[in-house]
PDB file of N, CA and C in Angstrom:
ATOM      1  N   MET A   1       0.693  -1.406  -0.214  1.00  0.00           N
ATOM      2  CA  MET A   1      -0.093   0.077  -0.136  1.00  0.00           C
ATOM      3  C   MET A   1       1.074   1.338   0.171  1.00  0.00           C
ATOM      4  N   ALA A   2       0.575   2.085  -0.989  1.00  0.00           N
ATOM      5  CA  ALA A   2       1.420   3.466  -0.858  1.00  0.00           C
ATOM      6  C   ALA A   2       0.417   4.584   0.251  1.00  0.00           C
ATOM      7  N   MET A   3       1.417   5.200   0.158  1.00  0.00           N
ATOM      8  CA  MET A   3       1.178   6.290   0.833  1.00  0.00           C
ATOM      9  C   MET A   3       2.164   7.841   1.160  1.00  0.00           C
ATOM     10  N   THR A   4       1.253   8.920   1.446  1.00  0.00           N
ATOM     11  CA  THR A   4       1.992  10.182   1.130  1.00  0.00           C
ATOM     12  C   THR A   4       2.409  11.067   2.263  1.00  0.00           C
ATOM     13  N   LEU A   5       4.155  10.664   2.816  1.00  0.00           N
ATOM     14  CA  LEU A   5       4.175  11.437   4.160  1.00  0.00           C
ATOM     15  C   LEU A   5       4.516  12.528   3.883  1.00  0.00           C
ATOM     16  N   ARG A   6       3.737  13.455   4.460  1.00  0.00           N
ATOM     17  CA  ARG A   6       4.006  15.200   4.848  1.00  0.00           C
ATOM     18  C   ARG A   6       4.587  15.720   5.614  1.00  0.00           C
ATOM     19  N   LEU A   7       5.725  15.485   5.603  1.00  0.00           N
ATOM     20  CA  LEU A   7       7.064  16.626   6.347  1.00  0.00           C
ATOM     21  C   LEU A   7       6.907  18.226   6.652  1.00  0.00           C
ATOM     22  N   ASP A   8       7.049  19.013   7.431  1.00  0.00           N
ATOM     23  CA  ASP A   8       7.447  20.596   7.076  1.00  0.00           C
ATOM     24  C   ASP A   8       9.182  20.374   6.585  1.00  0.00           C
ATOM     25  N   ASP A   9       9.221  21.839   6.702  1.00  0.00           N
ATOM     26  CA  ASP A   9      10.788  21.753   5.887  1.00  0.00           C
ATOM     27  C   ASP A   9      11.946  21.318   6.764  1.00  0.00           C
ATOM     28  N   ALA A  10      11.918  22.235   8.097  1.00  0.00           N
ATOM     29  CA  ALA A  10      12.845  21.007   9.285  1.00  0.00           C
ATOM     30  C   ALA A  10      12.861  19.562   9.089  1.00  0.00           C
ATOM     31  N   GLU A  11      11.546  18.966   9.034  1.00  0.00           N
ATOM     32  CA  GLU A  11      11.656  17.437   9.253  1.00  0.00           C
ATOM     33  C   GLU A  11      11.895  17.241   7.822  1.00  0.00           C
ATOM     34  N   ALA A  12      11.489  17.300   6.363  1.00  0.00           N
ATOM     35  CA  ALA A  12      12.108  17.130   5.522  1.00  0.00           C
ATOM     36  C   ALA A  12      13.916  16.822   5.076  1.00  0.00           C
ATOM     37  N   GLU A  13      14.815  18.480   5.953  1.00  0.00           N
ATOM     38  CA  GLU A  13      16.335  18.634   5.707  1.00  0.00           C
ATOM     39  C   GLU A  13      16.882  17.770   6.764  1.00  0.00           C
ATOM     40  N   ALA A  14      15.764  17.351   8.138  1.00  0.00           N
ATOM     41  CA  ALA A  14      16.815  16.175   8.631  1.00  0.00           C
ATOM     42  C   ALA A  14      16.835  15.090   8.087  1.00  0.00           C
ATOM     43  N   LEU A  15      15.348  14.713   7.644  1.00  0.00           N
ATOM     44  CA  LEU A  15      15.555  13.322   6.932  1.00  0.00           C
ATOM     45  C   LEU A  15      16.755  13.542   5.567  1.00  0.00           C
ATOM     46  N   ARG A  16      16.525  14.108   5.321  1.00  0.00           N
ATOM     47  CA  ARG A  16      17.688  14.020   4.027  1.00  0.00           C
ATOM     48  C   ARG A  16      18.394  13.745   4.525  1.00  0.00           C
ATOM     49  N   ARG A  17      19.312  14.761   5.412  1.00  0.00           N
ATOM     50  CA  ARG A  17      20.497  14.564   6.305  1.00  0.00           C
ATOM     51  C   ARG A  17      20.899  13.036   6.825  1.00  0.00           C
ATOM     52  N   ARG A  18      19.934  12.966   7.292  1.00  0.00           N
ATOM     53  CA  ARG A  18      20.127  11.278   8.110  1.00  0.00           C
ATOM     54  C   ARG A  18      20.879  10.607   7.183  1.00  0.00           C
ATOM     55  N   ALA A  19      19.638  10.594   5.937  1.00  0.00           N
ATOM     56  CA  ALA A  19      19.517   9.466   4.852  1.00  0.00           C
ATOM     57  C   ALA A  19      21.102   9.791   3.651  1.00  0.00           C
ATOM     58  N   ASP A  20      21.585  11.099   3.625  1.00  0.00           N
ATOM     59  CA  ASP A  20      22.605  11.354   3.305  1.00  0.00           C
ATOM     60  C   ASP A  20      23.934  10.778   3.876  1.00  0.00           C
ATOM     61  N   LEU A  21      23.657  10.996   5.312  1.00  0.00           N
ATOM     62  CA  LEU A  21      24.870  10.599   6.487  1.00  0.00           C
ATOM     63  C   LEU A  21      24.970   9.370   5.959  1.00  0.00           C
ATOM     64  N   GLU A  22      23.778   8.096   6.206  1.00  0.00           N
ATOM     65  CA  GLU A  22      23.846   7.038   6.069  1.00  0.00           C
ATOM     66  C   GLU A  22      23.751   6.243   4.500  1.00  0.00           C
ATOM     67  N   GLY A  23      24.113   7.102   3.616  1.00  0.00           N
ATOM     68  CA  GLY A  23      23.966   6.265   1.821  1.00  0.00           C
ATOM     69  C   GLY A  23      23.243   5.808   1.701  1.00  0.00           C
ATOM     70  N   ARG A  24      21.839   6.084   2.521  1.00  0.00           N
ATOM     71  CA  ARG A  24      20.542   5.384   1.975  1.00  0.00           C
ATOM     72  C   ARG A  24      19.132   6.239   1.504  1.00  0.00           C
ATOM     73  N   SER A  25      18.432   5.665   0.768  1.00  0.00           N
ATOM     74  CA  SER A  25      17.197   6.651   0.650  1.00  0.00           C
ATOM     75  C   SER A  25      16.391   7.338   1.722  1.00  0.00           C
ATOM     76  N   MET A  26      15.682   8.299   1.590  1.00  0.00           N
ATOM     77  CA  MET A  26      15.218   9.191   2.821  1.00  0.00           C
ATOM     78  C   MET A  26      13.772   7.999   2.735  1.00  0.00           C
ATOM     79  N   GLN A  27      13.386   7.289   2.294  1.00  0.00           N
ATOM     80  CA  GLN A  27      12.195   6.160   2.172  1.00  0.00           C
ATOM     81  C   GLN A  27      12.656   5.248   2.860  1.00  0.00           C
ATOM     82  N   GLU A  28      13.886   4.828   2.569  1.00  0.00           N
ATOM     83  CA  GLU A  28      14.306   3.966   3.684  1.00  0.00           C
ATOM     84  C   GLU A  28      14.674   3.854   4.953  1.00  0.00           C
ATOM     85  N   VAL A  29      14.784   5.559   4.858  1.00  0.00           N
ATOM     86  CA  VAL A  29      15.140   6.110   6.788  1.00  0.00           C
ATOM     87  C   VAL A  29      13.842   5.953   7.024  1.00  0.00           C
ATOM     88  N   ALA A  30      12.950   6.447   6.746  1.00  0.00           N
ATOM     89  CA  ALA A  30      11.449   6.560   7.309  1.00  0.00           C
ATOM     90  C   ALA A  30      11.204   5.369   7.699  1.00  0.00           C
ATOM     91  N   ARG A  31      10.909   4.269   6.288  1.00  0.00           N
ATOM     92  CA  ARG A  31      10.608   3.012   6.769  1.00  0.00           C
ATOM     93  C   ARG A  31      10.882   2.242   8.230  1.00  0.00           C
ATOM     94  N   GLU A  32      12.249   2.463   7.862  1.00  0.00           N
ATOM     95  CA  GLU A  32      13.073   2.069   9.519  1.00  0.00           C
ATOM     96  C   GLU A  32      12.202   2.618  10.195  1.00  0.00           C
ATOM     97  N   ALA A  33      12.049   3.770  10.489  1.00  0.00           N
ATOM     98  CA  ALA A  33      11.901   4.961  11.467  1.00  0.00           C
ATOM     99  C   ALA A  33       9.907   4.514  12.137  1.00  0.00           C
ATOM    100  N   VAL A  34       9.382   3.962  11.037  1.00  0.00           N
ATOM    101  CA  VAL A  34       7.855   3.743  11.560  1.00  0.00           C
ATOM    102  C   VAL A  34       7.779   2.267  12.232  1.00  0.00           C
ATOM    103  N   GLN A  35       9.271   1.474  11.373  1.00  0.00           N
ATOM    104  CA  GLN A  35       8.771  -0.711  12.054  1.00  0.00           C
ATOM    105  C   GLN A  35       9.234   0.094  13.154  1.00  0.00           C
ATOM    106  N   LEU A  36      10.643   0.866  13.704  1.00  0.00           N
ATOM    107  CA  LEU A  36      11.337   0.477  15.243  1.00  0.00           C
ATOM    108  C   LEU A  36      10.319   1.292  16.162  1.00  0.00           C
ATOM    109  N   TYR A  37       9.399   2.684  15.969  1.00  0.00           N
ATOM    110  CA  TYR A  37       8.279   3.112  16.731  1.00  0.00           C
ATOM    111  C   TYR A  37       7.005   2.068  16.702  1.00  0.00           C
ATOM    112  N   ILE A  38       6.763   1.266  15.542  1.00  0.00           N
ATOM    113  CA  ILE A  38       5.660   0.299  15.877  1.00  0.00           C
ATOM    114  C   ILE A  38       5.704  -1.196  16.978  1.00  0.00           C
ATOM    115  N   GLU A  39       7.711  -1.374  16.725  1.00  0.00           N
ATOM    116  CA  GLU A  39       7.654  -2.241  17.336  1.00  0.00           C
ATOM    117  C   GLU A  39       8.010  -1.740  19.123  1.00  0.00           C
ATOM    118  N   ASN A  40       8.504  -0.730  19.193  1.00  0.00           N
ATOM    119  CA  ASN A  40       8.935   0.305  20.556  1.00  0.00           C
ATOM    120  C   ASN A  40       7.369   0.347  21.403  1.00  0.00           C
ATOM    121  N   LYS A  41       6.808   0.472  20.780  1.00  0.00           N
ATOM    122  CA  LYS A  41       5.531   0.544  20.905  1.00  0.00           C
ATOM    123  C   LYS A  41       4.506  -0.487  21.401  1.00  0.00           C
ATOM    124  N   SER A  42       4.932  -1.328  20.619  1.00  0.00           N
ATOM    125  CA  SER A  42       4.075  -3.351  21.023  1.00  0.00           C
ATOM    126  C   SER A  42       4.782  -3.598  21.900  1.00  0.00           C
ATOM    127  N   LYS A  43       6.064  -3.297  22.227  1.00  0.00           N
ATOM    128  CA  LYS A  43       6.799  -3.773  23.792  1.00  0.00           C
ATOM    129  C   LYS A  43       6.550  -3.352  25.147  1.00  0.00           C
ATOM    130  N   ARG A  44       6.161  -1.930  24.371  1.00  0.00           N
ATOM    131  CA  ARG A  44       5.972  -1.155  25.790  1.00  0.00           C
ATOM    132  C   ARG A  44       4.628  -1.558  26.088  1.00  0.00           C
ATOM    133  N   GLU A  45       3.234  -1.471  25.244  1.00  0.00           N
ATOM    134  CA  GLU A  45       1.988  -2.161  25.557  1.00  0.00           C
ATOM    135  C   GLU A  45       2.119  -3.301  26.146  1.00  0.00           C
ATOM    136  N   LEU A  46       3.074  -4.375  26.125  1.00  0.00           N
ATOM    137  CA  LEU A  46       2.987  -5.960  26.265  1.00  0.00           C
ATOM    138  C   LEU A  46       3.518  -5.091  28.152  1.00  0.00           C
ATOM    139  N   LEU A  47       4.400  -4.412  28.023  1.00  0.00           N
ATOM    140  CA  LEU A  47       4.927  -4.708  29.027  1.00  0.00           C
ATOM    141  C   LEU A  47       4.258  -3.903  30.465  1.00  0.00           C
ATOM    142  N   ASP A  48       3.367  -2.843  29.742  1.00  0.00           N
ATOM    143  CA  ASP A  48       2.320  -2.086  30.358  1.00  0.00           C
ATOM    144  C   ASP A  48       0.988  -3.391  30.727  1.00  0.00           C
ATOM    145  N   ASN A  49       0.496  -4.370  30.204  1.00  0.00           N
ATOM    146  CA  ASN A  49      -0.160  -4.936  30.436  1.00  0.00           C
ATOM    147  C   ASN A  49       0.120  -5.931  31.217  1.00  0.00           C
ATOM    148  N   VAL A  50       0.965  -6.608  30.946  1.00  0.00           N
ATOM    149  CA  VAL A  50       1.854  -7.177  32.110  1.00  0.00           C
ATOM    150  C   VAL A  50       1.870  -6.862  33.376  1.00  0.00           C
ATOM    151  N   LEU A  51       2.653  -5.720  33.457  1.00  0.00           N
ATOM    152  CA  LEU A  51       2.719  -5.029  34.952  1.00  0.00           C
ATOM    153  C   LEU A  51       1.433  -5.014  35.457  1.00  0.00           C
ATOM    154  N   ASP A  52       0.362  -4.177  34.426  1.00  0.00           N
ATOM    155  CA  ASP A  52      -1.014  -4.051  35.314  1.00  0.00           C
ATOM    156  C   ASP A  52      -1.437  -5.063  36.028  1.00  0.00           C
ATOM    157  N   SER A  53      -1.376  -6.391  35.832  1.00  0.00           N
ATOM    158  CA  SER A  53      -1.676  -7.520  35.939  1.00  0.00           C
ATOM    159  C   SER A  53      -0.742  -8.284  36.856  1.00  0.00           C
ATOM    160  N   GLU A  54       0.561  -8.500  37.194  1.00  0.00           N
ATOM    161  CA  GLU A  54       1.248  -8.645  37.897  1.00  0.00           C
ATOM    162  C   GLU A  54       1.525  -8.051  39.069  1.00  0.00           C
ATOM    163  N   ILE A  55       1.655  -6.487  39.553  1.00  0.00           N
ATOM    164  CA  ILE A  55       2.065  -5.855  40.289  1.00  0.00           C
ATOM    165  C   ILE A  55       1.162  -5.920  41.255  1.00  0.00           C
ATOM    166  N   PRO A  56      -0.853  -5.918  41.010  1.00  0.00           N
ATOM    167  CA  PRO A  56      -1.489  -6.372  42.266  1.00  0.00           C
ATOM    168  C   PRO A  56      -0.937  -7.657  42.934  1.00  0.00           C
ATOM    169  N   ARG A  57      -0.906  -8.435  42.062  1.00  0.00           N
ATOM    170  CA  ARG A  57      -0.759 -10.444  43.037  1.00  0.00           C
ATOM    171  C   ARG A  57       0.695  -9.885  43.886  1.00  0.00           C
ATOM    172  N   TYR A  58       1.780  -9.305  43.424  1.00  0.00           N
ATOM    173  CA  TYR A  58       2.753  -9.101  44.468  1.00  0.00           C
ATOM    174  C   TYR A  58       2.857  -7.924  45.551  1.00  0.00           C
ATOM    175  N   ALA A  59       1.245  -6.940  45.572  1.00  0.00           N
ATOM    176  CA  ALA A  59       1.347  -5.688  46.162  1.00  0.00           C
ATOM    177  C   ALA A  59       1.769  -5.884  47.640  1.00  0.00           C
ATOM    178  N   GLU A  60       1.434  -6.821  47.920  1.00  0.00           N
ATOM    179  CA  GLU A  60       1.624  -6.760  49.429  1.00  0.00           C
ATOM    180  C   GLU A  60       3.381  -7.186  50.004  1.00  0.00           C
ATOM    181  N   ALA A  61       3.763  -7.997  48.897  1.00  0.00           N
ATOM    182  CA  ALA A  61       4.417  -8.448  49.398  1.00  0.00           C
ATOM    183  C   ALA A  61       5.724  -6.474  48.672  1.00  0.00           C
ATOM    184  N   LEU A  62       5.948  -6.084  47.687  1.00  0.00           N
ATOM    185  CA  LEU A  62       6.542  -5.104  47.288  1.00  0.00           C
ATOM    186  C   LEU A  62       5.775  -3.977  48.457  1.00  0.00           C
ATOM    187  N   ASP A  63       5.307  -3.835  49.026  1.00  0.00           N
ATOM    188  CA  ASP A  63       4.712  -2.649  50.528  1.00  0.00           C
ATOM    189  C   ASP A  63       5.940  -3.215  51.467  1.00  0.00           C
ATOM    190  N   ARG A  64       5.767  -4.600  51.824  1.00  0.00           N
ATOM    191  CA  ARG A  64       6.844  -4.464  52.275  1.00  0.00           C
ATOM    192  C   ARG A  64       8.465  -4.670  52.238  1.00  0.00           C
ATOM    193  N   LEU A  65       8.933  -5.289  51.021  1.00  0.00           N
ATOM    194  CA  LEU A  65      10.088  -4.549  50.611  1.00  0.00           C
ATOM    195  C   LEU A  65      10.358  -3.034  50.938  1.00  0.00           C
ATOM    196  N   GLY A  66       9.186  -2.264  50.266  1.00  0.00           N
ATOM    197  CA  GLY A  66       9.377  -0.523  50.629  1.00  0.00           C
ATOM    198  C   GLY A  66       9.213  -0.230  51.721  1.00  0.00           C
ATOM    199  N   LYS A  67       9.434  -0.879  52.812  1.00  0.00           N
ATOM    200  CA  LYS A  67       9.268  -0.717  54.319  1.00  0.00           C
ATOM    201  C   LYS A  67      10.847  -0.750  55.101  1.00  0.00           C
TER     202      LYS A  67
END
């Protein structure tokens, strides 16, 4: 699926500089950034879900450790 990414001038220039520095296309750099964002968000959401379910389970022990 194709899409158009609209960047302001500063964002476009920063992306262009990064792509030039890495010897890659702007599209490659932008696609990698999107992939990393999705991976990081997914991992964070998974961790948040685990913590939300496990912290109450160990609340008493954590409270005692904190004293």
